[in-house]
C-alpha atoms as a PDB file:
ATOM      1  CA  UNK A   1     -22.018  36.227  17.477  1.00  0.00           C
ATOM      2  CA  UNK A   2     -20.503  32.828  16.652  1.00  0.00           C
ATOM      3  CA  UNK A   3     -20.808  30.024  19.154  1.00  0.00           C
ATOM      4  CA  UNK A   4     -17.601  28.336  20.424  1.00  0.00           C
ATOM      5  CA  UNK A   5     -18.533  25.141  18.577  1.00  0.00           C
ATOM      6  CA  UNK A   6     -18.715  26.937  15.205  1.00  0.00           C
ATOM      7  CA  UNK A   7     -15.374  28.614  15.866  1.00  0.00           C
ATOM      8  CA  UNK A   8     -13.942  25.244  16.790  1.00  0.00           C
ATOM      9  CA  UNK A   9     -15.178  23.709  13.533  1.00  0.00           C
ATOM     10  CA  UNK A  10     -13.674  26.557  11.511  1.00  0.00           C
ATOM     11  CA  UNK A  11     -10.366  26.196  13.348  1.00  0.00           C
ATOM     12  CA  UNK A  12     -10.306  22.450  12.630  1.00  0.00           C
ATOM     13  CA  UNK A  13     -11.062  23.064   8.964  1.00  0.00           C
ATOM     14  CA  UNK A  14      -8.341  25.705   8.702  1.00  0.00           C
ATOM     15  CA  UNK A  15      -5.671  23.527  10.318  1.00  0.00           C
ATOM     16  CA  UNK A  16      -6.651  20.378   8.434  1.00  0.00           C
ATOM     17  CA  UNK A  17      -6.915  21.859   4.938  1.00  0.00           C
ATOM     18  CA  UNK A  18      -3.811  24.041   5.399  1.00  0.00           C
ATOM     19  CA  UNK A  19      -1.806  20.968   6.370  1.00  0.00           C
ATOM     20  CA  UNK A  20      -3.251  19.017   3.447  1.00  0.00           C
ATOM     21  CA  UNK A  21      -2.156  21.749   1.030  1.00  0.00           C
ATOM     22  CA  UNK A  22       1.263  21.849   2.706  1.00  0.00           C
ATOM     23  CA  UNK A  23       1.602  18.084   1.993  1.00  0.00           C
ATOM     24  CA  UNK A  24       1.281  18.843  -1.736  1.00  0.00           C
ATOM     25  CA  UNK A  25       4.470  20.915  -1.622  1.00  0.00           C
ATOM     26  CA  UNK A  26       7.887  19.405  -2.494  1.00  0.00           C
ATOM     27  CA  UNK A  27       9.022  20.063   1.100  1.00  0.00           C
ATOM     28  CA  UNK A  28       6.964  17.217   2.578  1.00  0.00           C
ATOM     29  CA  UNK A  29       7.802  13.555   1.955  1.00  0.00           C
ATOM     30  CA  UNK A  30       5.612  10.515   2.579  1.00  0.00           C
ATOM     31  CA  UNK A  31       6.729   9.623   6.164  1.00  0.00           C
ATOM     32  CA  UNK A  32       6.343  13.240   7.312  1.00  0.00           C
ATOM     33  CA  UNK A  33       2.874  13.424   5.748  1.00  0.00           C
ATOM     34  CA  UNK A  34       1.842  10.253   7.589  1.00  0.00           C
ATOM     35  CA  UNK A  35       3.035  11.710  10.922  1.00  0.00           C
ATOM     36  CA  UNK A  36       1.294  15.015  10.304  1.00  0.00           C
ATOM     37  CA  UNK A  37      -1.988  13.217   9.672  1.00  0.00           C
ATOM     38  CA  UNK A  38      -1.629  11.083  12.796  1.00  0.00           C
ATOM     39  CA  UNK A  39      -0.778  14.167  14.917  1.00  0.00           C
ATOM     40  CA  UNK A  40      -3.862  16.046  13.700  1.00  0.00           C
ATOM     41  CA  UNK A  41      -6.096  13.090  14.473  1.00  0.00           C
ATOM     42  CA  UNK A  42      -4.528  12.640  17.917  1.00  0.00           C
ATOM     43  CA  UNK A  43      -5.333  16.262  18.789  1.00  0.00           C
ATOM     44  CA  UNK A  44      -8.857  16.048  17.389  1.00  0.00           C
ATOM     45  CA  UNK A  45      -8.093  18.370  14.457  1.00  0.00           C
ATOM     46  CA  UNK A  46      -9.559  16.156  11.721  1.00  0.00           C
ATOM     47  CA  UNK A  47     -13.083  17.311  10.754  1.00  0.00           C
ATOM     48  CA  UNK A  48     -15.534  14.534  11.507  1.00  0.00           C
ATOM     49  CA  UNK A  49     -17.592  15.144   8.366  1.00  0.00           C
ATOM     50  CA  UNK A  50     -14.647  14.192   6.137  1.00  0.00           C
ATOM     51  CA  UNK A  51     -14.591  10.530   5.067  1.00  0.00           C
ATOM     52  CA  UNK A  52     -10.804  10.129   4.824  1.00  0.00           C
ATOM     53  CA  UNK A  53     -11.086   6.453   3.912  1.00  0.00           C
ATOM     54  CA  UNK A  54     -13.208   7.018   0.814  1.00  0.00           C
ATOM     55  CA  UNK A  55     -11.219  10.064  -0.309  1.00  0.00           C
ATOM     56  CA  UNK A  56      -7.910   8.204   0.131  1.00  0.00           C
ATOM     57  CA  UNK A  57      -9.108   5.218  -1.876  1.00  0.00           C
ATOM     58  CA  UNK A  58     -10.200   7.376  -4.831  1.00  0.00           C
ATOM     59  CA  UNK A  59      -7.213   9.735  -4.723  1.00  0.00           C
ATOM     60  CA  UNK A  60      -4.783   6.811  -4.538  1.00  0.00           C
ATOM     61  CA  UNK A  61      -6.412   5.198  -7.576  1.00  0.00           C
ATOM     62  CA  UNK A  62      -6.141   8.431  -9.607  1.00  0.00           C
ATOM     63  CA  UNK A  63      -2.536   8.935  -8.468  1.00  0.00           C
ATOM     64  CA  UNK A  64      -1.474   5.456  -9.526  1.00  0.00           C
ATOM     65  CA  UNK A  65      -3.094   5.928 -12.926  1.00  0.00           C
ATOM     66  CA  UNK A  66      -1.127   9.162 -13.257  1.00  0.00           C
ATOM     67  CA  UNK A  67       2.118   7.332 -12.486  1.00  0.00           C
ATOM     68  CA  UNK A  68       1.439   5.108 -15.499  1.00  0.00           C
ATOM     69  CA  UNK A  69       2.212   8.088 -17.766  1.00  0.00           C
ATOM     70  CA  UNK A  70       5.789   8.029 -16.498  1.00  0.00           C
ATOM     71  CA  UNK A  71       6.410   4.351 -17.343  1.00  0.00           C
ATOM     72  CA  UNK A  72       7.292   2.920 -20.737  1.00  0.00           C
ATOM     73  CA  UNK A  73       5.779  -0.401 -21.855  1.00  0.00           C
ATOM     74  CA  UNK A  74       9.129  -1.996 -22.645  1.00  0.00           C
ATOM     75  CA  UNK A  75      10.393  -1.052 -19.183  1.00  0.00           C
ATOM     76  CA  UNK A  76       7.260  -2.485 -17.547  1.00  0.00           C
ATOM     77  CA  UNK A  77       7.572  -5.801 -19.362  1.00  0.00           C
ATOM     78  CA  UNK A  78      11.302  -6.056 -18.656  1.00  0.00           C
ATOM     79  CA  UNK A  79      10.899  -5.321 -14.940  1.00  0.00           C
ATOM     80  CA  UNK A  80       8.020  -7.775 -14.504  1.00  0.00           C
ATOM     81  CA  UNK A  81       9.762 -10.505 -16.476  1.00  0.00           C
ATOM     82  CA  UNK A  82      12.983 -10.289 -14.491  1.00  0.00           C
ATOM     83  CA  UNK A  83      11.206 -10.483 -11.144  1.00  0.00           C
ATOM     84  CA  UNK A  84       8.477 -13.037 -11.951  1.00  0.00           C
ATOM     85  CA  UNK A  85      10.267 -15.807 -10.029  1.00  0.00           C
ATOM     86  CA  UNK A  86      10.684 -13.608  -6.978  1.00  0.00           C
ATOM     87  CA  UNK A  87       7.023 -12.555  -7.146  1.00  0.00           C
ATOM     88  CA  UNK A  88       5.689 -16.110  -7.318  1.00  0.00           C
ATOM     89  CA  UNK A  89       8.026 -17.436  -4.650  1.00  0.00           C
ATOM     90  CA  UNK A  90       7.240 -14.633  -2.222  1.00  0.00           C
ATOM     91  CA  UNK A  91       3.457 -14.941  -2.671  1.00  0.00           C
ATOM     92  CA  UNK A  92       3.250 -18.703  -2.212  1.00  0.00           C
ATOM     93  CA  UNK A  93       5.928 -18.746   0.480  1.00  0.00           C
ATOM     94  CA  UNK A  94       4.064 -16.191   2.601  1.00  0.00           C
ATOM     95  CA  UNK A  95       0.733 -17.995   2.196  1.00  0.00           C
ATOM     96  CA  UNK A  96       2.151 -21.405   3.156  1.00  0.00           C
ATOM     97  CA  UNK A  97       4.177 -20.179   6.144  1.00  0.00           C
ATOM     98  CA  UNK A  98       1.305 -17.910   7.165  1.00  0.00           C
ATOM     99  CA  UNK A  99      -1.009 -20.952   7.364  1.00  0.00           C
ATOM    100  CA  UNK A 100       1.505 -22.875   9.471  1.00  0.00           C
ATOM    101  CA  UNK A 101       2.127 -19.949  11.843  1.00  0.00           C
ATOM    102  CA  UNK A 102      -1.604 -19.321  12.198  1.00  0.00           C
ATOM    103  CA  UNK A 103      -2.069 -22.887  13.449  1.00  0.00           C
ATOM    104  CA  UNK A 104       1.022 -22.703  15.722  1.00  0.00           C
ATOM    105  CA  UNK A 105      -0.070 -19.420  17.298  1.00  0.00           C
ATOM    106  CA  UNK A 106      -3.660 -20.697  17.559  1.00  0.00           C
ATOM    107  CA  UNK A 107      -5.064 -17.674  15.739  1.00  0.00           C
ATOM    108  CA  UNK A 108      -8.471 -17.705  14.076  1.00  0.00           C
ATOM    109  CA  UNK A 109      -7.922 -19.368  10.674  1.00  0.00           C
ATOM    110  CA  UNK A 110      -9.740 -16.712   8.634  1.00  0.00           C
ATOM    111  CA  UNK A 111      -7.997 -13.831  10.374  1.00  0.00           C
ATOM    112  CA  UNK A 112      -4.605 -15.499   9.843  1.00  0.00           C
ATOM    113  CA  UNK A 113      -5.420 -16.061   6.167  1.00  0.00           C
ATOM    114  CA  UNK A 114      -6.397 -12.412   5.708  1.00  0.00           C
ATOM    115  CA  UNK A 115      -3.116 -11.230   7.290  1.00  0.00           C
ATOM    116  CA  UNK A 116      -1.124 -13.651   5.123  1.00  0.00           C
ATOM    117  CA  UNK A 117      -3.028 -12.548   2.008  1.00  0.00           C
ATOM    118  CA  UNK A 118      -2.374  -8.889   2.767  1.00  0.00           C
ATOM    119  CA  UNK A 119       1.335  -9.588   3.304  1.00  0.00           C
ATOM    120  CA  UNK A 120       1.618 -11.753   0.196  1.00  0.00           C
ATOM    121  CA  UNK A 121       0.060  -9.404  -2.327  1.00  0.00           C
ATOM    122  CA  UNK A 122      -1.121  -5.875  -1.631  1.00  0.00           C
ATOM    123  CA  UNK A 123      -2.264  -5.246   1.909  1.00  0.00           C
ATOM    124  CA  UNK A 124      -5.742  -3.805   2.386  1.00  0.00           C
ATOM    125  CA  UNK A 125      -6.783  -4.429  -1.240  1.00  0.00           C
ATOM    126  CA  UNK A 126      -6.045  -8.153  -0.952  1.00  0.00           C
ATOM    127  CA  UNK A 127      -7.820  -8.336   2.405  1.00  0.00           C
ATOM    128  CA  UNK A 128     -10.869  -6.569   0.974  1.00  0.00           C
ATOM    129  CA  UNK A 129     -10.980  -8.984  -1.980  1.00  0.00           C
ATOM    130  CA  UNK A 130     -10.417 -12.180   0.004  1.00  0.00           C
ATOM    131  CA  UNK A 131     -12.741 -11.347   2.939  1.00  0.00           C
ATOM    132  CA  UNK A 132     -16.071 -11.877   1.128  1.00  0.00           C
ATOM    133  CA  UNK A 133     -14.703 -14.994  -0.581  1.00  0.00           C
ATOM    134  CA  UNK A 134     -14.124 -16.680   2.795  1.00  0.00           C
ATOM    135  CA  UNK A 135     -17.068 -14.916   4.526  1.00  0.00           C
ATOM    136  CA  UNK A 136     -14.839 -13.255   7.106  1.00  0.00           C
ATOM    137  CA  UNK A 137     -16.487 -11.367   9.967  1.00  0.00           C
ATOM    138  CA  UNK A 138     -16.085  -7.615  10.421  1.00  0.00           C
ATOM    139  CA  UNK A 139     -13.904  -8.075  13.497  1.00  0.00           C
ATOM    140  CA  UNK A 140     -11.564 -10.432  11.621  1.00  0.00           C
ATOM    141  CA  UNK A 141     -11.297  -7.950   8.749  1.00  0.00           C
ATOM    142  CA  UNK A 142     -10.685  -4.910  10.990  1.00  0.00           C
ATOM    143  CA  UNK A 143      -7.969  -6.702  12.986  1.00  0.00           C
ATOM    144  CA  UNK A 144      -6.191  -7.817   9.809  1.00  0.00           C
ATOM    145  CA  UNK A 145      -6.377  -4.288   8.396  1.00  0.00           C
ATOM    146  CA  UNK A 146      -5.045  -2.832  11.651  1.00  0.00           C
ATOM    147  CA  UNK A 147      -1.980  -5.119  11.479  1.00  0.00           C
ATOM    148  CA  UNK A 148      -1.333  -4.058   7.881  1.00  0.00           C
ATOM    149  CA  UNK A 149      -1.736  -0.360   8.757  1.00  0.00           C
ATOM    150  CA  UNK A 150       0.787  -0.624  11.580  1.00  0.00           C
ATOM    151  CA  UNK A 151       3.448  -2.381   9.483  1.00  0.00           C
ATOM    152  CA  UNK A 152       2.857  -0.075   6.500  1.00  0.00           C
ATOM    153  CA  UNK A 153       3.514   2.915   8.725  1.00  0.00           C
ATOM    154  CA  UNK A 154       6.764   1.418   9.997  1.00  0.00           C
ATOM    155  CA  UNK A 155       7.873   0.510   6.445  1.00  0.00           C
ATOM    156  CA  UNK A 156       7.681   4.123   5.298  1.00  0.00           C
ATOM    157  CA  UNK A 157      10.479   5.016   7.706  1.00  0.00           C
ATOM    158  CA  UNK A 158      12.527   1.804   7.839  1.00  0.00           C
ATOM    159  CA  UNK A 159      12.866   0.916   4.157  1.00  0.00           C
ATOM    160  CA  UNK A 160      14.422   4.169   2.834  1.00  0.00           C
ATOM    161  CA  UNK A 161      16.812   4.164   5.822  1.00  0.00           C
ATOM    162  CA  UNK A 162      17.939   0.578   5.163  1.00  0.00           C
ATOM    163  CA  UNK A 163      18.174   1.267   1.443  1.00  0.00           C
ATOM    164  CA  UNK A 164      20.554   4.194   1.942  1.00  0.00           C
ATOM    165  CA  UNK A 165      22.470   2.322   4.635  1.00  0.00           C
ATOM    166  CA  UNK A 166      23.131  -0.578   2.240  1.00  0.00           C
ATOM    167  CA  UNK A 167      23.649   1.825  -0.705  1.00  0.00           C
ATOM    168  CA  UNK A 168      21.035   0.007  -2.780  1.00  0.00           C
ATOM    169  CA  UNK A 169      20.538   1.060  -6.372  1.00  0.00           C
ATOM    170  CA  UNK A 170      17.253   2.684  -7.454  1.00  0.00           C
ATOM    171  CA  UNK A 171      16.296  -0.496  -9.295  1.00  0.00           C
ATOM    172  CA  UNK A 172      17.075  -2.831  -6.380  1.00  0.00           C
ATOM    173  CA  UNK A 173      15.247  -0.671  -3.880  1.00  0.00           C
ATOM    174  CA  UNK A 174      12.173  -0.427  -6.126  1.00  0.00           C
ATOM    175  CA  UNK A 175      12.000  -4.197  -6.449  1.00  0.00           C
ATOM    176  CA  UNK A 176      12.423  -4.635  -2.673  1.00  0.00           C
ATOM    177  CA  UNK A 177       9.608  -2.189  -1.905  1.00  0.00           C
ATOM    178  CA  UNK A 178       7.258  -3.905  -4.323  1.00  0.00           C
ATOM    179  CA  UNK A 179       7.931  -7.338  -2.835  1.00  0.00           C
ATOM    180  CA  UNK A 180       8.150  -6.565   0.891  1.00  0.00           C
ATOM    181  CA  UNK A 181       5.748  -3.659   1.646  1.00  0.00           C
ATOM    182  CA  UNK A 182       2.038  -4.390   1.919  1.00  0.00           C
ATOM    183  CA  UNK A 183      -0.153  -1.574   0.562  1.00  0.00           C
ATOM    184  CA  UNK A 184       0.419   0.166  -2.752  1.00  0.00           C
ATOM    185  CA  UNK A 185       0.258   3.557  -1.019  1.00  0.00           C
ATOM    186  CA  UNK A 186       3.183   2.702   1.272  1.00  0.00           C
ATOM    187  CA  UNK A 187       5.122   1.114  -1.573  1.00  0.00           C
ATOM    188  CA  UNK A 188       4.980   4.233  -3.713  1.00  0.00           C
ATOM    189  CA  UNK A 189       5.503   6.410  -0.632  1.00  0.00           C
ATOM    190  CA  UNK A 190       8.753   4.684   0.342  1.00  0.00           C
ATOM    191  CA  UNK A 191       9.930   4.392  -3.259  1.00  0.00           C
ATOM    192  CA  UNK A 192       9.204   8.043  -4.097  1.00  0.00           C
ATOM    193  CA  UNK A 193      11.307   9.072  -1.117  1.00  0.00           C
ATOM    194  CA  UNK A 194      14.203   7.109  -2.650  1.00  0.00           C
ATOM    195  CA  UNK A 195      13.995   8.353  -6.255  1.00  0.00           C
ATOM    196  CA  UNK A 196      12.001   8.481  -9.491  1.00  0.00           C
ATOM    197  CA  UNK A 197      13.458   5.257 -10.940  1.00  0.00           C
ATOM    198  CA  UNK A 198      12.698   3.387  -7.723  1.00  0.00           C
ATOM    199  CA  UNK A 199       9.161   4.750  -7.898  1.00  0.00           C
ATOM    200  CA  UNK A 200       8.651   3.528 -11.466  1.00  0.00           C
ATOM    201  CA  UNK A 201      10.071   0.072 -10.726  1.00  0.00           C
ATOM    202  CA  UNK A 202       8.120  -0.316  -7.481  1.00  0.00           C
ATOM    203  CA  UNK A 203       4.800   0.815  -8.964  1.00  0.00           C
ATOM    204  CA  UNK A 204       5.100  -1.457 -11.991  1.00  0.00           C
ATOM    205  CA  UNK A 205       5.964  -4.550  -9.934  1.00  0.00           C
ATOM    206  CA  UNK A 206       3.450  -3.867  -7.206  1.00  0.00           C
ATOM    207  CA  UNK A 207       0.569  -3.541  -9.652  1.00  0.00           C
ATOM    208  CA  UNK A 208       1.624  -6.707 -11.473  1.00  0.00           C
ATOM    209  CA  UNK A 209       1.504  -8.443  -8.072  1.00  0.00           C
ATOM    210  CA  UNK A 210      -1.973  -6.981  -7.489  1.00  0.00           C
ATOM    211  CA  UNK A 211      -3.312  -9.046 -10.400  1.00  0.00           C
ATOM    212  CA  UNK A 212      -2.784 -12.115  -8.220  1.00  0.00           C
ATOM    213  CA  UNK A 213      -5.777 -10.937  -6.152  1.00  0.00           C
ATOM    214  CA  UNK A 214      -8.125 -12.749  -8.543  1.00  0.00           C
ATOM    215  CA  UNK A 215      -6.649 -16.293  -8.308  1.00  0.00           C
ATOM    216  CA  UNK A 216      -5.980 -15.826  -4.584  1.00  0.00           C
ATOM    217  CA  UNK A 217      -9.624 -14.988  -3.864  1.00  0.00           C
ATOM    218  CA  UNK A 218     -10.805 -17.999  -5.871  1.00  0.00           C
ATOM    219  CA  UNK A 219      -8.326 -20.354  -4.171  1.00  0.00           C
ATOM    220  CA  UNK A 220      -9.308 -18.920  -0.758  1.00  0.00           C
ATOM    221  CA  UNK A 221     -12.987 -19.601  -1.419  1.00  0.00           C
ATOM    222  CA  UNK A 222     -12.198 -23.207  -2.290  1.00  0.00           C
ATOM    223  CA  UNK A 223      -9.856 -23.642   0.690  1.00  0.00           C
ATOM    224  CA  UNK A 224     -12.511 -22.437   3.147  1.00  0.00           C
ATOM    225  CA  UNK A 225     -15.260 -24.279   1.227  1.00  0.00           C
ATOM    226  CA  UNK A 226     -17.311 -21.167   0.657  1.00  0.00           C
ATOM    227  CA  UNK A 227     -19.436 -20.328  -2.370  1.00  0.00           C
ATOM    228  CA  UNK A 228     -17.606 -18.667  -5.193  1.00  0.00           C
ATOM    229  CA  UNK A 229     -18.021 -14.903  -5.166  1.00  0.00           C
ATOM    230  CA  UNK A 230     -17.678 -12.578  -8.101  1.00  0.00           C
ATOM    231  CA  UNK A 231     -14.109 -11.244  -8.058  1.00  0.00           C
ATOM    232  CA  UNK A 232     -13.395  -7.922  -9.685  1.00  0.00           C
ATOM    233  CA  UNK A 233     -10.021  -6.620 -10.844  1.00  0.00           C
ATOM    234  CA  UNK A 234      -9.685  -3.053  -9.481  1.00  0.00           C
ATOM    235  CA  UNK A 235     -10.398  -0.608 -12.313  1.00  0.00           C
ATOM    236  CA  UNK A 236      -7.387   1.564 -11.477  1.00  0.00           C
ATOM    237  CA  UNK A 237      -5.083  -1.307 -12.506  1.00  0.00           C
ATOM    238  CA  UNK A 238      -6.729  -1.432 -15.941  1.00  0.00           C
ATOM    239  CA  UNK A 239      -6.492   2.348 -16.399  1.00  0.00           C
ATOM    240  CA  UNK A 240      -2.887   2.271 -15.128  1.00  0.00           C
ATOM    241  CA  UNK A 241      -2.041  -0.180 -17.922  1.00  0.00           C
ATOM    242  CA  UNK A 242      -3.860   2.036 -20.437  1.00  0.00           C
ATOM    243  CA  UNK A 243      -1.809   5.050 -19.247  1.00  0.00           C
ATOM    244  CA  UNK A 244       1.378   3.088 -19.908  1.00  0.00           C
ATOM    245  CA  UNK A 245       0.169   2.208 -23.409  1.00  0.00           C
ATOM    246  CA  UNK A 246      -0.764   5.831 -24.174  1.00  0.00           C
ATOM    247  CA  UNK A 247       2.602   7.207 -23.018  1.00  0.00           C
ATOM    248  CA  UNK A 248       4.455   4.474 -24.946  1.00  0.00           C
ATOM    249  CA  UNK A 249       2.601   4.661 -28.279  1.00  0.00           C
ATOM    250  CA  UNK A 250       1.863   8.405 -28.338  1.00  0.00           C
ATOM    251  CA  UNK A 251       5.167  10.019 -27.249  1.00  0.00           C
ATOM    252  CA  UNK A 252       4.057  13.374 -28.702  1.00  0.00           C
ATOM    253  CA  UNK A 253       2.447  14.236 -25.372  1.00  0.00           C
ATOM    254  CA  UNK A 254       5.690  13.747 -23.428  1.00  0.00           C
ATOM    255  CA  UNK A 255       5.562  17.142 -21.695  1.00  0.00           C
ATOM    256  CA  UNK A 256       1.976  16.618 -20.577  1.00  0.00           C
ATOM    257  CA  UNK A 257       2.786  13.095 -19.361  1.00  0.00           C
ATOM    258  CA  UNK A 258       5.648  14.440 -17.245  1.00  0.00           C
ATOM    259  CA  UNK A 259       3.348  17.021 -15.617  1.00  0.00           C
ATOM    260  CA  UNK A 260       0.777  14.311 -14.802  1.00  0.00           C
ATOM    261  CA  UNK A 261       3.492  12.042 -13.412  1.00  0.00           C
ATOM    262  CA  UNK A 262       4.947  14.741 -11.135  1.00  0.00           C
ATOM    263  CA  UNK A 263       1.471  15.834  -9.969  1.00  0.00           C
ATOM    264  CA  UNK A 264       0.666  12.202  -9.129  1.00  0.00           C
ATOM    265  CA  UNK A 265       3.765  11.950  -6.943  1.00  0.00           C
ATOM    266  CA  UNK A 266       2.562  14.900  -4.876  1.00  0.00           C
ATOM    267  CA  UNK A 267      -0.985  13.587  -4.553  1.00  0.00           C
ATOM    268  CA  UNK A 268       0.465  10.293  -3.287  1.00  0.00           C
ATOM    269  CA  UNK A 269       2.037  12.206  -0.403  1.00  0.00           C
ATOM    270  CA  UNK A 270      -1.381  13.689   0.300  1.00  0.00           C
ATOM    271  CA  UNK A 271      -2.771  10.132   0.380  1.00  0.00           C
ATOM    272  CA  UNK A 272      -0.301   9.229   3.120  1.00  0.00           C
ATOM    273  CA  UNK A 273      -1.422  12.306   5.081  1.00  0.00           C
ATOM    274  CA  UNK A 274      -5.038  11.149   4.851  1.00  0.00           C
ATOM    275  CA  UNK A 275      -4.053   7.627   5.881  1.00  0.00           C
ATOM    276  CA  UNK A 276      -2.277   9.042   8.918  1.00  0.00           C
ATOM    277  CA  UNK A 277      -5.392  11.049   9.709  1.00  0.00           C
ATOM    278  CA  UNK A 278      -7.379   7.824   9.960  1.00  0.00           C
ATOM    279  CA  UNK A 279      -5.052   5.686  12.099  1.00  0.00           C
ATOM    280  CA  UNK A 280      -6.284   5.553  15.671  1.00  0.00           C
ATOM    281  CA  UNK A 281      -4.711   4.113  18.827  1.00  0.00           C
ATOM    282  CA  UNK A 282      -7.825   1.962  19.141  1.00  0.00           C
ATOM    283  CA  UNK A 283      -6.762   0.071  16.019  1.00  0.00           C
ATOM    284  CA  UNK A 284      -3.406  -0.715  17.600  1.00  0.00           C
ATOM    285  CA  UNK A 285      -5.058  -2.077  20.755  1.00  0.00           C
ATOM    286  CA  UNK A 286      -7.769  -4.054  18.979  1.00  0.00           C
ATOM    287  CA  UNK A 287      -5.255  -5.864  16.781  1.00  0.00           C
ATOM    288  CA  UNK A 288      -3.917  -7.765  19.810  1.00  0.00           C
ATOM    289  CA  UNK A 289      -0.458  -9.233  20.104  1.00  0.00           C
ATOM    290  CA  UNK A 290      -0.964 -12.609  18.349  1.00  0.00           C
ATOM    291  CA  UNK A 291      -2.283 -11.295  14.997  1.00  0.00           C
ATOM    292  CA  UNK A 292       0.353  -8.553  15.177  1.00  0.00           C
ATOM    293  CA  UNK A 293       3.039 -11.169  15.940  1.00  0.00           C
ATOM    294  CA  UNK A 294       1.909 -13.172  12.907  1.00  0.00           C
ATOM    295  CA  UNK A 295       2.041 -10.066  10.700  1.00  0.00           C
ATOM    296  CA  UNK A 296       5.500  -9.097  11.959  1.00  0.00           C
ATOM    297  CA  UNK A 297       6.900 -12.614  11.453  1.00  0.00           C
ATOM    298  CA  UNK A 298       5.599 -12.816   7.876  1.00  0.00           C
ATOM    299  CA  UNK A 299       6.756  -9.288   7.104  1.00  0.00           C
ATOM    300  CA  UNK A 300      10.232  -9.888   8.456  1.00  0.00           C
ATOM    301  CA  UNK A 301      10.484 -13.155   6.561  1.00  0.00           C
ATOM    302  CA  UNK A 302       9.541 -11.694   3.180  1.00  0.00           C
ATOM    303  CA  UNK A 303      11.563  -8.508   3.810  1.00  0.00           C
ATOM    304  CA  UNK A 304      14.805 -10.243   4.830  1.00  0.00           C
ATOM    305  CA  UNK A 305      14.614 -13.094   2.317  1.00  0.00           C
ATOM    306  CA  UNK A 306      13.786 -10.816  -0.626  1.00  0.00           C
ATOM    307  CA  UNK A 307      16.499  -8.362   0.435  1.00  0.00           C
ATOM    308  CA  UNK A 308      19.140 -11.110   0.485  1.00  0.00           C
ATOM    309  CA  UNK A 309      18.013 -12.381  -2.909  1.00  0.00           C
ATOM    310  CA  UNK A 310      18.001  -8.889  -4.443  1.00  0.00           C
ATOM    311  CA  UNK A 311      21.424  -7.978  -3.081  1.00  0.00           C
ATOM    312  CA  UNK A 312      23.192 -11.181  -4.036  1.00  0.00           C
ATOM    313  CA  UNK A 313      21.296 -12.853  -6.877  1.00  0.00           C
ATOM    314  CA  UNK A 314      19.062 -10.392  -8.768  1.00  0.00           C
END
């Protein structure tokens, strides 16, 4: 006879994996997947032996590489070239204002820099790259990540709503997502909910922004007078670029590329489910109001300013 604990484990597994499979269906979009993951975690239905963080990181990398098969090289160059001014301005603007707000709010300098770095480039990835360069403490890193998680979750719902409200084109919305949303997962989640063209534009621009991680980490180390650490470009960015080259120079595999691209869109939704299944209320409380206020101010600034520029000047 099975013990109650074993039955409980089997019930958790059944609910969790059934919901995960459901998130791979076309019925579920990114915001819904995030909510489903958060609900399961809140009710203790996420198996404790599953390392959602590690799985999400790997699955997201594979998914982004897969999206590269749906992007043509000429399109990638054109999109990046047209938005290079907006990319540079937004990155440096966020970092400068983030430094000033950190001092004004009397927030720990390293924590403020991590939040500004995450807002300026690519959320958790930027924070993870900059943290060792400035020798940030675990508490500083976790609080910065919590702020990014909170705002990423909000962006998944707010951005598509605003985009439809303003009747933004697929191209304009894709650019806005890439500039104003922190993590790559949330960028592609919001963009995929808007349309395939928005997804292609957003992914291309966001990953071109991610390359700024390297100079940012080096500059951060100098600014905080720490020893220079070895900075690595995430491998998935390199393979993403290779996928674009393959699909552009070997068009014979067009049908296969389309299958990979569509499969990657569904696995991205699954990534959002796993992210939702790792967000705890404790993270919200530990972030505190000042770091969260800093994150909100920077996010609103880059979101509103980039939106105005895109609507009237791009």
